[in-house]
Amino acid sequence: MKITKQKVVLDAADLEGTAAFWSDLTGKPITHRDVDWREIAIDDTWAIAIQLAPDHEPPEWPNGSPQQIHLDLYVDDVDAAQKEVLELGGRILDEQLDDPDGGFVVYADPAGHPFCLCK
């Protein structure tokens, strides 16, 4: 089996707002729009997609309802990246900057999906 394209699909009640967040954060445009779907092509092999889920309930970090997805994003400057995440409507869930593996901060996007910015 050869995987030729990969998509990470996030459920969200606010389709446009969540898609705009991920588009702005990645610096990539929304490349496909449908009634219940937005897609952001990161490159030729993978994309982030947002699927309308009107009854979506955000997971509770860290011990509440199960995570529906988790992304690790490696960045050169966690402080600058954090500022951008917060300006775009994300929020901090947990800080682990003293982690022996280099540190990370757990955030939620506007729909509540957790993701990490890692050093």
Protein backbone atom coordinates (compact mmCIF):
# COMPACT_ATOMS: atom_id res chain seq x y z
CA MET A 1 0.00 0.00 0.00
CA LYS A 2 1.27 3.47 -0.88
CA ILE A 3 -0.38 6.42 0.81
CA THR A 4 -0.45 9.29 -1.67
CA LYS A 5 -2.32 11.93 0.32
CA GLN A 6 -3.16 12.45 3.94
CA LYS A 7 -5.86 14.58 5.53
CA VAL A 8 -6.46 15.44 9.12
CA VAL A 9 -10.21 15.98 9.51
CA LEU A 10 -11.59 18.02 12.40
CA ASP A 11 -15.25 18.16 13.40
CA ALA A 12 -16.55 21.63 14.25
CA ALA A 13 -19.87 23.36 14.83
CA ASP A 14 -18.38 26.63 13.50
CA LEU A 15 -17.18 25.47 10.10
CA GLU A 16 -15.99 28.84 8.79
CA GLY A 17 -14.42 30.04 12.03
CA THR A 18 -12.44 26.85 12.59
CA ALA A 19 -11.31 26.74 8.95
CA ALA A 20 -10.23 30.39 9.13
CA PHE A 21 -8.23 29.68 12.31
CA TRP A 22 -6.29 26.81 10.70
CA SER A 23 -5.84 28.70 7.42
CA ASP A 24 -4.42 31.73 9.25
CA LEU A 25 -2.24 29.63 11.57
CA THR A 26 -0.69 27.59 8.73
CA GLY A 27 -0.49 30.52 6.33
CA LYS A 28 -2.28 28.42 3.70
CA PRO A 29 -5.55 29.35 1.97
CA ILE A 30 -8.80 27.44 2.17
CA THR A 31 -8.58 25.50 -1.09
CA HIS A 32 -11.95 23.76 -1.14
CA ARG A 33 -15.36 24.84 0.14
CA ASP A 34 -18.52 22.77 0.24
CA VAL A 35 -21.73 23.10 2.24
CA ASP A 36 -20.32 21.09 5.13
CA TRP A 37 -16.57 20.94 4.35
CA ARG A 38 -13.55 23.23 4.17
CA GLU A 39 -10.10 22.07 3.15
CA ILE A 40 -6.66 23.62 3.53
CA ALA A 41 -4.00 22.05 1.31
CA ILE A 42 -0.72 22.16 3.19
CA ASP A 43 1.18 20.69 0.23
CA ASP A 44 0.59 18.12 -2.51
CA THR A 45 0.45 15.23 -0.04
CA TRP A 46 -1.55 16.39 2.96
CA ALA A 47 -4.33 18.72 4.03
CA ILE A 48 -6.32 19.82 7.05
CA ALA A 49 -10.07 19.50 6.54
CA ILE A 50 -12.90 20.86 8.67
CA GLN A 51 -16.17 18.94 8.64
CA LEU A 52 -19.41 20.52 9.84
CA ALA A 53 -20.67 18.79 12.97
CA PRO A 54 -23.52 20.96 14.36
CA ASP A 55 -23.61 19.04 17.66
CA HIS A 56 -19.84 19.08 18.16
CA GLU A 57 -18.83 19.27 21.82
CA PRO A 58 -15.23 20.31 22.50
CA PRO A 59 -13.15 17.74 24.37
CA GLU A 60 -12.17 18.66 27.92
CA TRP A 61 -8.44 18.75 28.55
CA PRO A 62 -6.94 16.59 29.92
CA ASN A 63 -9.40 14.22 31.62
CA GLY A 64 -12.80 14.96 30.14
CA SER A 65 -14.45 13.67 27.02
CA PRO A 66 -12.03 11.89 24.68
CA GLN A 67 -9.82 13.84 22.33
CA GLN A 68 -11.09 13.71 18.77
CA ILE A 69 -7.65 14.56 17.40
CA HIS A 70 -4.29 15.86 18.52
CA LEU A 71 -1.67 17.63 16.39
CA ASP A 72 1.97 18.31 17.30
CA LEU A 73 3.39 21.30 15.45
CA TYR A 74 7.13 21.90 15.76
CA VAL A 75 8.14 25.57 15.71
CA ASP A 76 11.38 27.53 16.03
CA ASP A 77 9.96 30.15 18.40
CA VAL A 78 7.24 28.93 20.78
CA ASP A 79 6.68 32.42 22.24
CA ALA A 80 6.04 34.04 18.85
CA ALA A 81 3.87 31.12 17.76
CA GLN A 82 1.88 31.32 21.00
CA LYS A 83 1.18 35.00 20.43
CA GLU A 84 -0.19 34.19 16.98
CA VAL A 85 -2.32 31.29 18.26
CA LEU A 86 -3.89 33.49 20.94
CA GLU A 87 -4.50 36.38 18.51
CA LEU A 88 -6.30 33.95 16.18
CA GLY A 89 -8.65 32.79 18.94
CA GLY A 90 -6.83 29.75 20.29
CA ARG A 91 -6.39 29.22 24.02
CA ILE A 92 -3.81 27.61 26.29
CA LEU A 93 -4.77 24.30 27.90
CA ASP A 94 -1.48 23.24 29.51
CA GLU A 95 2.14 24.42 29.59
CA GLN A 96 4.98 21.89 29.78
CA LEU A 97 7.91 24.10 28.83
CA ASP A 98 10.17 22.49 31.42
CA ASP A 99 9.70 19.04 29.81
CA PRO A 100 13.07 17.24 29.46
CA ASP A 101 12.34 16.54 25.78
CA GLY A 102 12.40 20.24 24.95
CA GLY A 103 9.03 21.49 26.04
CA PHE A 104 5.63 22.08 24.55
CA VAL A 105 2.41 23.98 25.18
CA VAL A 106 -1.03 22.44 24.67
CA TYR A 107 -3.62 24.72 23.05
CA ALA A 108 -7.18 24.43 21.77
CA ASP A 109 -8.42 25.87 18.49
CA PRO A 110 -11.71 27.83 18.60
CA ALA A 111 -13.71 24.57 18.33
CA GLY A 112 -11.80 23.04 21.26
CA HIS A 113 -9.48 20.65 19.34
CA PRO A 114 -6.23 20.24 21.29
CA PHE A 115 -2.85 20.70 19.61
CA CYS A 116 0.72 21.31 20.78
CA LEU A 117 3.38 23.77 19.78
CA CYS A 118 6.66 21.96 20.43
CA LYS A 119 10.21 23.28 20.66
